[in-house]
């Protein structure tokens, strides 16, 4: 989603947050 080729959706950002929280 960070490439901004389409509108940002919360669900996608939330998956990133989960990834970051899991690994860092």
PDBML (XML) file of the C-alpha atoms, coordinates in Angstrom:
<?xml version="1.0" encoding="UTF-8" ?>
<PDBx:datablock datablockName="MODEL"
   xmlns:PDBx="http://pdbml.pdb.org/schema/pdbx-v50.xsd"
   xmlns:xsi="http://www.w3.org/2001/XMLSchema-instance"
   xsi:schemaLocation="http://pdbml.pdb.org/schema/pdbx-v50.xsd pdbx-v50.xsd">
   <PDBx:atom_siteCategory>
      <PDBx:atom_site id="1">
         <PDBx:B_iso_or_equiv>0.00</PDBx:B_iso_or_equiv>
         <PDBx:Cartn_x>0.000</PDBx:Cartn_x>
         <PDBx:Cartn_y>0.000</PDBx:Cartn_y>
         <PDBx:Cartn_z>0.000</PDBx:Cartn_z>
         <PDBx:auth_asym_id>A</PDBx:auth_asym_id>
         <PDBx:auth_atom_id>CA</PDBx:auth_atom_id>
         <PDBx:auth_comp_id>UNK</PDBx:auth_comp_id>
         <PDBx:auth_seq_id>1</PDBx:auth_seq_id>
         <PDBx:group_PDB>ATOM</PDBx:group_PDB>
         <PDBx:label_alt_id xsi:nil="true" />
         <PDBx:label_asym_id>A</PDBx:label_asym_id>
         <PDBx:label_atom_id>CA</PDBx:label_atom_id>
         <PDBx:label_comp_id>UNK</PDBx:label_comp_id>
         <PDBx:label_entity_id>1</PDBx:label_entity_id>
         <PDBx:label_seq_id>1</PDBx:label_seq_id>
         <PDBx:occupancy>1.00</PDBx:occupancy>
         <PDBx:pdbx_PDB_model_num>1</PDBx:pdbx_PDB_model_num>
         <PDBx:type_symbol>C</PDBx:type_symbol>
      </PDBx:atom_site>
      <PDBx:atom_site id="2">
         <PDBx:B_iso_or_equiv>0.00</PDBx:B_iso_or_equiv>
         <PDBx:Cartn_x>2.961</PDBx:Cartn_x>
         <PDBx:Cartn_y>2.340</PDBx:Cartn_y>
         <PDBx:Cartn_z>0.544</PDBx:Cartn_z>
         <PDBx:auth_asym_id>A</PDBx:auth_asym_id>
         <PDBx:auth_atom_id>CA</PDBx:auth_atom_id>
         <PDBx:auth_comp_id>UNK</PDBx:auth_comp_id>
         <PDBx:auth_seq_id>2</PDBx:auth_seq_id>
         <PDBx:group_PDB>ATOM</PDBx:group_PDB>
         <PDBx:label_alt_id xsi:nil="true" />
         <PDBx:label_asym_id>A</PDBx:label_asym_id>
         <PDBx:label_atom_id>CA</PDBx:label_atom_id>
         <PDBx:label_comp_id>UNK</PDBx:label_comp_id>
         <PDBx:label_entity_id>1</PDBx:label_entity_id>
         <PDBx:label_seq_id>2</PDBx:label_seq_id>
         <PDBx:occupancy>1.00</PDBx:occupancy>
         <PDBx:pdbx_PDB_model_num>1</PDBx:pdbx_PDB_model_num>
         <PDBx:type_symbol>C</PDBx:type_symbol>
      </PDBx:atom_site>
      <PDBx:atom_site id="3">
         <PDBx:B_iso_or_equiv>0.00</PDBx:B_iso_or_equiv>
         <PDBx:Cartn_x>3.497</PDBx:Cartn_x>
         <PDBx:Cartn_y>2.562</PDBx:Cartn_y>
         <PDBx:Cartn_z>-3.216</PDBx:Cartn_z>
         <PDBx:auth_asym_id>A</PDBx:auth_asym_id>
         <PDBx:auth_atom_id>CA</PDBx:auth_atom_id>
         <PDBx:auth_comp_id>UNK</PDBx:auth_comp_id>
         <PDBx:auth_seq_id>3</PDBx:auth_seq_id>
         <PDBx:group_PDB>ATOM</PDBx:group_PDB>
         <PDBx:label_alt_id xsi:nil="true" />
         <PDBx:label_asym_id>A</PDBx:label_asym_id>
         <PDBx:label_atom_id>CA</PDBx:label_atom_id>
         <PDBx:label_comp_id>UNK</PDBx:label_comp_id>
         <PDBx:label_entity_id>1</PDBx:label_entity_id>
         <PDBx:label_seq_id>3</PDBx:label_seq_id>
         <PDBx:occupancy>1.00</PDBx:occupancy>
         <PDBx:pdbx_PDB_model_num>1</PDBx:pdbx_PDB_model_num>
         <PDBx:type_symbol>C</PDBx:type_symbol>
      </PDBx:atom_site>
      <PDBx:atom_site id="4">
         <PDBx:B_iso_or_equiv>0.00</PDBx:B_iso_or_equiv>
         <PDBx:Cartn_x>0.270</PDBx:Cartn_x>
         <PDBx:Cartn_y>4.622</PDBx:Cartn_y>
         <PDBx:Cartn_z>-3.367</PDBx:Cartn_z>
         <PDBx:auth_asym_id>A</PDBx:auth_asym_id>
         <PDBx:auth_atom_id>CA</PDBx:auth_atom_id>
         <PDBx:auth_comp_id>UNK</PDBx:auth_comp_id>
         <PDBx:auth_seq_id>4</PDBx:auth_seq_id>
         <PDBx:group_PDB>ATOM</PDBx:group_PDB>
         <PDBx:label_alt_id xsi:nil="true" />
         <PDBx:label_asym_id>A</PDBx:label_asym_id>
         <PDBx:label_atom_id>CA</PDBx:label_atom_id>
         <PDBx:label_comp_id>UNK</PDBx:label_comp_id>
         <PDBx:label_entity_id>1</PDBx:label_entity_id>
         <PDBx:label_seq_id>4</PDBx:label_seq_id>
         <PDBx:occupancy>1.00</PDBx:occupancy>
         <PDBx:pdbx_PDB_model_num>1</PDBx:pdbx_PDB_model_num>
         <PDBx:type_symbol>C</PDBx:type_symbol>
      </PDBx:atom_site>
      <PDBx:atom_site id="5">
         <PDBx:B_iso_or_equiv>0.00</PDBx:B_iso_or_equiv>
         <PDBx:Cartn_x>-0.889</PDBx:Cartn_x>
         <PDBx:Cartn_y>3.072</PDBx:Cartn_y>
         <PDBx:Cartn_z>-6.637</PDBx:Cartn_z>
         <PDBx:auth_asym_id>A</PDBx:auth_asym_id>
         <PDBx:auth_atom_id>CA</PDBx:auth_atom_id>
         <PDBx:auth_comp_id>UNK</PDBx:auth_comp_id>
         <PDBx:auth_seq_id>5</PDBx:auth_seq_id>
         <PDBx:group_PDB>ATOM</PDBx:group_PDB>
         <PDBx:label_alt_id xsi:nil="true" />
         <PDBx:label_asym_id>A</PDBx:label_asym_id>
         <PDBx:label_atom_id>CA</PDBx:label_atom_id>
         <PDBx:label_comp_id>UNK</PDBx:label_comp_id>
         <PDBx:label_entity_id>1</PDBx:label_entity_id>
         <PDBx:label_seq_id>5</PDBx:label_seq_id>
         <PDBx:occupancy>1.00</PDBx:occupancy>
         <PDBx:pdbx_PDB_model_num>1</PDBx:pdbx_PDB_model_num>
         <PDBx:type_symbol>C</PDBx:type_symbol>
      </PDBx:atom_site>
      <PDBx:atom_site id="6">
         <PDBx:B_iso_or_equiv>0.00</PDBx:B_iso_or_equiv>
         <PDBx:Cartn_x>-4.374</PDBx:Cartn_x>
         <PDBx:Cartn_y>2.975</PDBx:Cartn_y>
         <PDBx:Cartn_z>-5.175</PDBx:Cartn_z>
         <PDBx:auth_asym_id>A</PDBx:auth_asym_id>
         <PDBx:auth_atom_id>CA</PDBx:auth_atom_id>
         <PDBx:auth_comp_id>UNK</PDBx:auth_comp_id>
         <PDBx:auth_seq_id>6</PDBx:auth_seq_id>
         <PDBx:group_PDB>ATOM</PDBx:group_PDB>
         <PDBx:label_alt_id xsi:nil="true" />
         <PDBx:label_asym_id>A</PDBx:label_asym_id>
         <PDBx:label_atom_id>CA</PDBx:label_atom_id>
         <PDBx:label_comp_id>UNK</PDBx:label_comp_id>
         <PDBx:label_entity_id>1</PDBx:label_entity_id>
         <PDBx:label_seq_id>6</PDBx:label_seq_id>
         <PDBx:occupancy>1.00</PDBx:occupancy>
         <PDBx:pdbx_PDB_model_num>1</PDBx:pdbx_PDB_model_num>
         <PDBx:type_symbol>C</PDBx:type_symbol>
      </PDBx:atom_site>
      <PDBx:atom_site id="7">
         <PDBx:B_iso_or_equiv>0.00</PDBx:B_iso_or_equiv>
         <PDBx:Cartn_x>-6.211</PDBx:Cartn_x>
         <PDBx:Cartn_y>4.581</PDBx:Cartn_y>
         <PDBx:Cartn_z>-2.279</PDBx:Cartn_z>
         <PDBx:auth_asym_id>A</PDBx:auth_asym_id>
         <PDBx:auth_atom_id>CA</PDBx:auth_atom_id>
         <PDBx:auth_comp_id>UNK</PDBx:auth_comp_id>
         <PDBx:auth_seq_id>7</PDBx:auth_seq_id>
         <PDBx:group_PDB>ATOM</PDBx:group_PDB>
         <PDBx:label_alt_id xsi:nil="true" />
         <PDBx:label_asym_id>A</PDBx:label_asym_id>
         <PDBx:label_atom_id>CA</PDBx:label_atom_id>
         <PDBx:label_comp_id>UNK</PDBx:label_comp_id>
         <PDBx:label_entity_id>1</PDBx:label_entity_id>
         <PDBx:label_seq_id>7</PDBx:label_seq_id>
         <PDBx:occupancy>1.00</PDBx:occupancy>
         <PDBx:pdbx_PDB_model_num>1</PDBx:pdbx_PDB_model_num>
         <PDBx:type_symbol>C</PDBx:type_symbol>
      </PDBx:atom_site>
      <PDBx:atom_site id="8">
         <PDBx:B_iso_or_equiv>0.00</PDBx:B_iso_or_equiv>
         <PDBx:Cartn_x>-4.889</PDBx:Cartn_x>
         <PDBx:Cartn_y>3.628</PDBx:Cartn_y>
         <PDBx:Cartn_z>1.134</PDBx:Cartn_z>
         <PDBx:auth_asym_id>A</PDBx:auth_asym_id>
         <PDBx:auth_atom_id>CA</PDBx:auth_atom_id>
         <PDBx:auth_comp_id>UNK</PDBx:auth_comp_id>
         <PDBx:auth_seq_id>8</PDBx:auth_seq_id>
         <PDBx:group_PDB>ATOM</PDBx:group_PDB>
         <PDBx:label_alt_id xsi:nil="true" />
         <PDBx:label_asym_id>A</PDBx:label_asym_id>
         <PDBx:label_atom_id>CA</PDBx:label_atom_id>
         <PDBx:label_comp_id>UNK</PDBx:label_comp_id>
         <PDBx:label_entity_id>1</PDBx:label_entity_id>
         <PDBx:label_seq_id>8</PDBx:label_seq_id>
         <PDBx:occupancy>1.00</PDBx:occupancy>
         <PDBx:pdbx_PDB_model_num>1</PDBx:pdbx_PDB_model_num>
         <PDBx:type_symbol>C</PDBx:type_symbol>
      </PDBx:atom_site>
      <PDBx:atom_site id="9">
         <PDBx:B_iso_or_equiv>0.00</PDBx:B_iso_or_equiv>
         <PDBx:Cartn_x>-7.151</PDBx:Cartn_x>
         <PDBx:Cartn_y>1.243</PDBx:Cartn_y>
         <PDBx:Cartn_z>3.011</PDBx:Cartn_z>
         <PDBx:auth_asym_id>A</PDBx:auth_asym_id>
         <PDBx:auth_atom_id>CA</PDBx:auth_atom_id>
         <PDBx:auth_comp_id>UNK</PDBx:auth_comp_id>
         <PDBx:auth_seq_id>9</PDBx:auth_seq_id>
         <PDBx:group_PDB>ATOM</PDBx:group_PDB>
         <PDBx:label_alt_id xsi:nil="true" />
         <PDBx:label_asym_id>A</PDBx:label_asym_id>
         <PDBx:label_atom_id>CA</PDBx:label_atom_id>
         <PDBx:label_comp_id>UNK</PDBx:label_comp_id>
         <PDBx:label_entity_id>1</PDBx:label_entity_id>
         <PDBx:label_seq_id>9</PDBx:label_seq_id>
         <PDBx:occupancy>1.00</PDBx:occupancy>
         <PDBx:pdbx_PDB_model_num>1</PDBx:pdbx_PDB_model_num>
         <PDBx:type_symbol>C</PDBx:type_symbol>
      </PDBx:atom_site>
      <PDBx:atom_site id="10">
         <PDBx:B_iso_or_equiv>0.00</PDBx:B_iso_or_equiv>
         <PDBx:Cartn_x>-7.018</PDBx:Cartn_x>
         <PDBx:Cartn_y>0.784</PDBx:Cartn_y>
         <PDBx:Cartn_z>6.773</PDBx:Cartn_z>
         <PDBx:auth_asym_id>A</PDBx:auth_asym_id>
         <PDBx:auth_atom_id>CA</PDBx:auth_atom_id>
         <PDBx:auth_comp_id>UNK</PDBx:auth_comp_id>
         <PDBx:auth_seq_id>10</PDBx:auth_seq_id>
         <PDBx:group_PDB>ATOM</PDBx:group_PDB>
         <PDBx:label_alt_id xsi:nil="true" />
         <PDBx:label_asym_id>A</PDBx:label_asym_id>
         <PDBx:label_atom_id>CA</PDBx:label_atom_id>
         <PDBx:label_comp_id>UNK</PDBx:label_comp_id>
         <PDBx:label_entity_id>1</PDBx:label_entity_id>
         <PDBx:label_seq_id>10</PDBx:label_seq_id>
         <PDBx:occupancy>1.00</PDBx:occupancy>
         <PDBx:pdbx_PDB_model_num>1</PDBx:pdbx_PDB_model_num>
         <PDBx:type_symbol>C</PDBx:type_symbol>
      </PDBx:atom_site>
      <PDBx:atom_site id="11">
         <PDBx:B_iso_or_equiv>0.00</PDBx:B_iso_or_equiv>
         <PDBx:Cartn_x>-7.057</PDBx:Cartn_x>
         <PDBx:Cartn_y>-3.012</PDBx:Cartn_y>
         <PDBx:Cartn_z>6.477</PDBx:Cartn_z>
         <PDBx:auth_asym_id>A</PDBx:auth_asym_id>
         <PDBx:auth_atom_id>CA</PDBx:auth_atom_id>
         <PDBx:auth_comp_id>UNK</PDBx:auth_comp_id>
         <PDBx:auth_seq_id>11</PDBx:auth_seq_id>
         <PDBx:group_PDB>ATOM</PDBx:group_PDB>
         <PDBx:label_alt_id xsi:nil="true" />
         <PDBx:label_asym_id>A</PDBx:label_asym_id>
         <PDBx:label_atom_id>CA</PDBx:label_atom_id>
         <PDBx:label_comp_id>UNK</PDBx:label_comp_id>
         <PDBx:label_entity_id>1</PDBx:label_entity_id>
         <PDBx:label_seq_id>11</PDBx:label_seq_id>
         <PDBx:occupancy>1.00</PDBx:occupancy>
         <PDBx:pdbx_PDB_model_num>1</PDBx:pdbx_PDB_model_num>
         <PDBx:type_symbol>C</PDBx:type_symbol>
      </PDBx:atom_site>
      <PDBx:atom_site id="12">
         <PDBx:B_iso_or_equiv>0.00</PDBx:B_iso_or_equiv>
         <PDBx:Cartn_x>-3.786</PDBx:Cartn_x>
         <PDBx:Cartn_y>-2.932</PDBx:Cartn_y>
         <PDBx:Cartn_z>4.539</PDBx:Cartn_z>
         <PDBx:auth_asym_id>A</PDBx:auth_asym_id>
         <PDBx:auth_atom_id>CA</PDBx:auth_atom_id>
         <PDBx:auth_comp_id>UNK</PDBx:auth_comp_id>
         <PDBx:auth_seq_id>12</PDBx:auth_seq_id>
         <PDBx:group_PDB>ATOM</PDBx:group_PDB>
         <PDBx:label_alt_id xsi:nil="true" />
         <PDBx:label_asym_id>A</PDBx:label_asym_id>
         <PDBx:label_atom_id>CA</PDBx:label_atom_id>
         <PDBx:label_comp_id>UNK</PDBx:label_comp_id>
         <PDBx:label_entity_id>1</PDBx:label_entity_id>
         <PDBx:label_seq_id>12</PDBx:label_seq_id>
         <PDBx:occupancy>1.00</PDBx:occupancy>
         <PDBx:pdbx_PDB_model_num>1</PDBx:pdbx_PDB_model_num>
         <PDBx:type_symbol>C</PDBx:type_symbol>
      </PDBx:atom_site>
      <PDBx:atom_site id="13">
         <PDBx:B_iso_or_equiv>0.00</PDBx:B_iso_or_equiv>
         <PDBx:Cartn_x>-2.145</PDBx:Cartn_x>
         <PDBx:Cartn_y>-0.549</PDBx:Cartn_y>
         <PDBx:Cartn_z>6.974</PDBx:Cartn_z>
         <PDBx:auth_asym_id>A</PDBx:auth_asym_id>
         <PDBx:auth_atom_id>CA</PDBx:auth_atom_id>
         <PDBx:auth_comp_id>UNK</PDBx:auth_comp_id>
         <PDBx:auth_seq_id>13</PDBx:auth_seq_id>
         <PDBx:group_PDB>ATOM</PDBx:group_PDB>
         <PDBx:label_alt_id xsi:nil="true" />
         <PDBx:label_asym_id>A</PDBx:label_asym_id>
         <PDBx:label_atom_id>CA</PDBx:label_atom_id>
         <PDBx:label_comp_id>UNK</PDBx:label_comp_id>
         <PDBx:label_entity_id>1</PDBx:label_entity_id>
         <PDBx:label_seq_id>13</PDBx:label_seq_id>
         <PDBx:occupancy>1.00</PDBx:occupancy>
         <PDBx:pdbx_PDB_model_num>1</PDBx:pdbx_PDB_model_num>
         <PDBx:type_symbol>C</PDBx:type_symbol>
      </PDBx:atom_site>
      <PDBx:atom_site id="14">
         <PDBx:B_iso_or_equiv>0.00</PDBx:B_iso_or_equiv>
         <PDBx:Cartn_x>-3.336</PDBx:Cartn_x>
         <PDBx:Cartn_y>-2.702</PDBx:Cartn_y>
         <PDBx:Cartn_z>9.842</PDBx:Cartn_z>
         <PDBx:auth_asym_id>A</PDBx:auth_asym_id>
         <PDBx:auth_atom_id>CA</PDBx:auth_atom_id>
         <PDBx:auth_comp_id>UNK</PDBx:auth_comp_id>
         <PDBx:auth_seq_id>14</PDBx:auth_seq_id>
         <PDBx:group_PDB>ATOM</PDBx:group_PDB>
         <PDBx:label_alt_id xsi:nil="true" />
         <PDBx:label_asym_id>A</PDBx:label_asym_id>
         <PDBx:label_atom_id>CA</PDBx:label_atom_id>
         <PDBx:label_comp_id>UNK</PDBx:label_comp_id>
         <PDBx:label_entity_id>1</PDBx:label_entity_id>
         <PDBx:label_seq_id>14</PDBx:label_seq_id>
         <PDBx:occupancy>1.00</PDBx:occupancy>
         <PDBx:pdbx_PDB_model_num>1</PDBx:pdbx_PDB_model_num>
         <PDBx:type_symbol>C</PDBx:type_symbol>
      </PDBx:atom_site>
      <PDBx:atom_site id="15">
         <PDBx:B_iso_or_equiv>0.00</PDBx:B_iso_or_equiv>
         <PDBx:Cartn_x>-1.618</PDBx:Cartn_x>
         <PDBx:Cartn_y>-5.752</PDBx:Cartn_y>
         <PDBx:Cartn_z>8.288</PDBx:Cartn_z>
         <PDBx:auth_asym_id>A</PDBx:auth_asym_id>
         <PDBx:auth_atom_id>CA</PDBx:auth_atom_id>
         <PDBx:auth_comp_id>UNK</PDBx:auth_comp_id>
         <PDBx:auth_seq_id>15</PDBx:auth_seq_id>
         <PDBx:group_PDB>ATOM</PDBx:group_PDB>
         <PDBx:label_alt_id xsi:nil="true" />
         <PDBx:label_asym_id>A</PDBx:label_asym_id>
         <PDBx:label_atom_id>CA</PDBx:label_atom_id>
         <PDBx:label_comp_id>UNK</PDBx:label_comp_id>
         <PDBx:label_entity_id>1</PDBx:label_entity_id>
         <PDBx:label_seq_id>15</PDBx:label_seq_id>
         <PDBx:occupancy>1.00</PDBx:occupancy>
         <PDBx:pdbx_PDB_model_num>1</PDBx:pdbx_PDB_model_num>
         <PDBx:type_symbol>C</PDBx:type_symbol>
      </PDBx:atom_site>
      <PDBx:atom_site id="16">
         <PDBx:B_iso_or_equiv>0.00</PDBx:B_iso_or_equiv>
         <PDBx:Cartn_x>1.598</PDBx:Cartn_x>
         <PDBx:Cartn_y>-3.756</PDBx:Cartn_y>
         <PDBx:Cartn_z>8.138</PDBx:Cartn_z>
         <PDBx:auth_asym_id>A</PDBx:auth_asym_id>
         <PDBx:auth_atom_id>CA</PDBx:auth_atom_id>
         <PDBx:auth_comp_id>UNK</PDBx:auth_comp_id>
         <PDBx:auth_seq_id>16</PDBx:auth_seq_id>
         <PDBx:group_PDB>ATOM</PDBx:group_PDB>
         <PDBx:label_alt_id xsi:nil="true" />
         <PDBx:label_asym_id>A</PDBx:label_asym_id>
         <PDBx:label_atom_id>CA</PDBx:label_atom_id>
         <PDBx:label_comp_id>UNK</PDBx:label_comp_id>
         <PDBx:label_entity_id>1</PDBx:label_entity_id>
         <PDBx:label_seq_id>16</PDBx:label_seq_id>
         <PDBx:occupancy>1.00</PDBx:occupancy>
         <PDBx:pdbx_PDB_model_num>1</PDBx:pdbx_PDB_model_num>
         <PDBx:type_symbol>C</PDBx:type_symbol>
      </PDBx:atom_site>
      <PDBx:atom_site id="17">
         <PDBx:B_iso_or_equiv>0.00</PDBx:B_iso_or_equiv>
         <PDBx:Cartn_x>1.187</PDBx:Cartn_x>
         <PDBx:Cartn_y>-2.768</PDBx:Cartn_y>
         <PDBx:Cartn_z>11.769</PDBx:Cartn_z>
         <PDBx:auth_asym_id>A</PDBx:auth_asym_id>
         <PDBx:auth_atom_id>CA</PDBx:auth_atom_id>
         <PDBx:auth_comp_id>UNK</PDBx:auth_comp_id>
         <PDBx:auth_seq_id>17</PDBx:auth_seq_id>
         <PDBx:group_PDB>ATOM</PDBx:group_PDB>
         <PDBx:label_alt_id xsi:nil="true" />
         <PDBx:label_asym_id>A</PDBx:label_asym_id>
         <PDBx:label_atom_id>CA</PDBx:label_atom_id>
         <PDBx:label_comp_id>UNK</PDBx:label_comp_id>
         <PDBx:label_entity_id>1</PDBx:label_entity_id>
         <PDBx:label_seq_id>17</PDBx:label_seq_id>
         <PDBx:occupancy>1.00</PDBx:occupancy>
         <PDBx:pdbx_PDB_model_num>1</PDBx:pdbx_PDB_model_num>
         <PDBx:type_symbol>C</PDBx:type_symbol>
      </PDBx:atom_site>
      <PDBx:atom_site id="18">
         <PDBx:B_iso_or_equiv>0.00</PDBx:B_iso_or_equiv>
         <PDBx:Cartn_x>0.710</PDBx:Cartn_x>
         <PDBx:Cartn_y>-6.426</PDBx:Cartn_y>
         <PDBx:Cartn_z>12.701</PDBx:Cartn_z>
         <PDBx:auth_asym_id>A</PDBx:auth_asym_id>
         <PDBx:auth_atom_id>CA</PDBx:auth_atom_id>
         <PDBx:auth_comp_id>UNK</PDBx:auth_comp_id>
         <PDBx:auth_seq_id>18</PDBx:auth_seq_id>
         <PDBx:group_PDB>ATOM</PDBx:group_PDB>
         <PDBx:label_alt_id xsi:nil="true" />
         <PDBx:label_asym_id>A</PDBx:label_asym_id>
         <PDBx:label_atom_id>CA</PDBx:label_atom_id>
         <PDBx:label_comp_id>UNK</PDBx:label_comp_id>
         <PDBx:label_entity_id>1</PDBx:label_entity_id>
         <PDBx:label_seq_id>18</PDBx:label_seq_id>
         <PDBx:occupancy>1.00</PDBx:occupancy>
         <PDBx:pdbx_PDB_model_num>1</PDBx:pdbx_PDB_model_num>
         <PDBx:type_symbol>C</PDBx:type_symbol>
      </PDBx:atom_site>
      <PDBx:atom_site id="19">
         <PDBx:B_iso_or_equiv>0.00</PDBx:B_iso_or_equiv>
         <PDBx:Cartn_x>3.836</PDBx:Cartn_x>
         <PDBx:Cartn_y>-7.362</PDBx:Cartn_y>
         <PDBx:Cartn_z>10.708</PDBx:Cartn_z>
         <PDBx:auth_asym_id>A</PDBx:auth_asym_id>
         <PDBx:auth_atom_id>CA</PDBx:auth_atom_id>
         <PDBx:auth_comp_id>UNK</PDBx:auth_comp_id>
         <PDBx:auth_seq_id>19</PDBx:auth_seq_id>
         <PDBx:group_PDB>ATOM</PDBx:group_PDB>
         <PDBx:label_alt_id xsi:nil="true" />
         <PDBx:label_asym_id>A</PDBx:label_asym_id>
         <PDBx:label_atom_id>CA</PDBx:label_atom_id>
         <PDBx:label_comp_id>UNK</PDBx:label_comp_id>
         <PDBx:label_entity_id>1</PDBx:label_entity_id>
         <PDBx:label_seq_id>19</PDBx:label_seq_id>
         <PDBx:occupancy>1.00</PDBx:occupancy>
         <PDBx:pdbx_PDB_model_num>1</PDBx:pdbx_PDB_model_num>
         <PDBx:type_symbol>C</PDBx:type_symbol>
      </PDBx:atom_site>
      <PDBx:atom_site id="20">
         <PDBx:B_iso_or_equiv>0.00</PDBx:B_iso_or_equiv>
         <PDBx:Cartn_x>5.892</PDBx:Cartn_x>
         <PDBx:Cartn_y>-4.640</PDBx:Cartn_y>
         <PDBx:Cartn_z>12.386</PDBx:Cartn_z>
         <PDBx:auth_asym_id>A</PDBx:auth_asym_id>
         <PDBx:auth_atom_id>CA</PDBx:auth_atom_id>
         <PDBx:auth_comp_id>UNK</PDBx:auth_comp_id>
         <PDBx:auth_seq_id>20</PDBx:auth_seq_id>
         <PDBx:group_PDB>ATOM</PDBx:group_PDB>
         <PDBx:label_alt_id xsi:nil="true" />
         <PDBx:label_asym_id>A</PDBx:label_asym_id>
         <PDBx:label_atom_id>CA</PDBx:label_atom_id>
         <PDBx:label_comp_id>UNK</PDBx:label_comp_id>
         <PDBx:label_entity_id>1</PDBx:label_entity_id>
         <PDBx:label_seq_id>20</PDBx:label_seq_id>
         <PDBx:occupancy>1.00</PDBx:occupancy>
         <PDBx:pdbx_PDB_model_num>1</PDBx:pdbx_PDB_model_num>
         <PDBx:type_symbol>C</PDBx:type_symbol>
      </PDBx:atom_site>
      <PDBx:atom_site id="21">
         <PDBx:B_iso_or_equiv>0.00</PDBx:B_iso_or_equiv>
         <PDBx:Cartn_x>4.578</PDBx:Cartn_x>
         <PDBx:Cartn_y>-5.559</PDBx:Cartn_y>
         <PDBx:Cartn_z>15.844</PDBx:Cartn_z>
         <PDBx:auth_asym_id>A</PDBx:auth_asym_id>
         <PDBx:auth_atom_id>CA</PDBx:auth_atom_id>
         <PDBx:auth_comp_id>UNK</PDBx:auth_comp_id>
         <PDBx:auth_seq_id>21</PDBx:auth_seq_id>
         <PDBx:group_PDB>ATOM</PDBx:group_PDB>
         <PDBx:label_alt_id xsi:nil="true" />
         <PDBx:label_asym_id>A</PDBx:label_asym_id>
         <PDBx:label_atom_id>CA</PDBx:label_atom_id>
         <PDBx:label_comp_id>UNK</PDBx:label_comp_id>
         <PDBx:label_entity_id>1</PDBx:label_entity_id>
         <PDBx:label_seq_id>21</PDBx:label_seq_id>
         <PDBx:occupancy>1.00</PDBx:occupancy>
         <PDBx:pdbx_PDB_model_num>1</PDBx:pdbx_PDB_model_num>
         <PDBx:type_symbol>C</PDBx:type_symbol>
      </PDBx:atom_site>
      <PDBx:atom_site id="22">
         <PDBx:B_iso_or_equiv>0.00</PDBx:B_iso_or_equiv>
         <PDBx:Cartn_x>5.327</PDBx:Cartn_x>
         <PDBx:Cartn_y>-9.241</PDBx:Cartn_y>
         <PDBx:Cartn_z>15.263</PDBx:Cartn_z>
         <PDBx:auth_asym_id>A</PDBx:auth_asym_id>
         <PDBx:auth_atom_id>CA</PDBx:auth_atom_id>
         <PDBx:auth_comp_id>UNK</PDBx:auth_comp_id>
         <PDBx:auth_seq_id>22</PDBx:auth_seq_id>
         <PDBx:group_PDB>ATOM</PDBx:group_PDB>
         <PDBx:label_alt_id xsi:nil="true" />
         <PDBx:label_asym_id>A</PDBx:label_asym_id>
         <PDBx:label_atom_id>CA</PDBx:label_atom_id>
         <PDBx:label_comp_id>UNK</PDBx:label_comp_id>
         <PDBx:label_entity_id>1</PDBx:label_entity_id>
         <PDBx:label_seq_id>22</PDBx:label_seq_id>
         <PDBx:occupancy>1.00</PDBx:occupancy>
         <PDBx:pdbx_PDB_model_num>1</PDBx:pdbx_PDB_model_num>
         <PDBx:type_symbol>C</PDBx:type_symbol>
      </PDBx:atom_site>
      <PDBx:atom_site id="23">
         <PDBx:B_iso_or_equiv>0.00</PDBx:B_iso_or_equiv>
         <PDBx:Cartn_x>8.867</PDBx:Cartn_x>
         <PDBx:Cartn_y>-8.743</PDBx:Cartn_y>
         <PDBx:Cartn_z>14.000</PDBx:Cartn_z>
         <PDBx:auth_asym_id>A</PDBx:auth_asym_id>
         <PDBx:auth_atom_id>CA</PDBx:auth_atom_id>
         <PDBx:auth_comp_id>UNK</PDBx:auth_comp_id>
         <PDBx:auth_seq_id>23</PDBx:auth_seq_id>
         <PDBx:group_PDB>ATOM</PDBx:group_PDB>
         <PDBx:label_alt_id xsi:nil="true" />
         <PDBx:label_asym_id>A</PDBx:label_asym_id>
         <PDBx:label_atom_id>CA</PDBx:label_atom_id>
         <PDBx:label_comp_id>UNK</PDBx:label_comp_id>
         <PDBx:label_entity_id>1</PDBx:label_entity_id>
         <PDBx:label_seq_id>23</PDBx:label_seq_id>
         <PDBx:occupancy>1.00</PDBx:occupancy>
         <PDBx:pdbx_PDB_model_num>1</PDBx:pdbx_PDB_model_num>
         <PDBx:type_symbol>C</PDBx:type_symbol>
      </PDBx:atom_site>
      <PDBx:atom_site id="24">
         <PDBx:B_iso_or_equiv>0.00</PDBx:B_iso_or_equiv>
         <PDBx:Cartn_x>9.904</PDBx:Cartn_x>
         <PDBx:Cartn_y>-5.627</PDBx:Cartn_y>
         <PDBx:Cartn_z>15.910</PDBx:Cartn_z>
         <PDBx:auth_asym_id>A</PDBx:auth_asym_id>
         <PDBx:auth_atom_id>CA</PDBx:auth_atom_id>
         <PDBx:auth_comp_id>UNK</PDBx:auth_comp_id>
         <PDBx:auth_seq_id>24</PDBx:auth_seq_id>
         <PDBx:group_PDB>ATOM</PDBx:group_PDB>
         <PDBx:label_alt_id xsi:nil="true" />
         <PDBx:label_asym_id>A</PDBx:label_asym_id>
         <PDBx:label_atom_id>CA</PDBx:label_atom_id>
         <PDBx:label_comp_id>UNK</PDBx:label_comp_id>
         <PDBx:label_entity_id>1</PDBx:label_entity_id>
         <PDBx:label_seq_id>24</PDBx:label_seq_id>
         <PDBx:occupancy>1.00</PDBx:occupancy>
         <PDBx:pdbx_PDB_model_num>1</PDBx:pdbx_PDB_model_num>
         <PDBx:type_symbol>C</PDBx:type_symbol>
      </PDBx:atom_site>
   </PDBx:atom_siteCategory>
</PDBx:datablock>
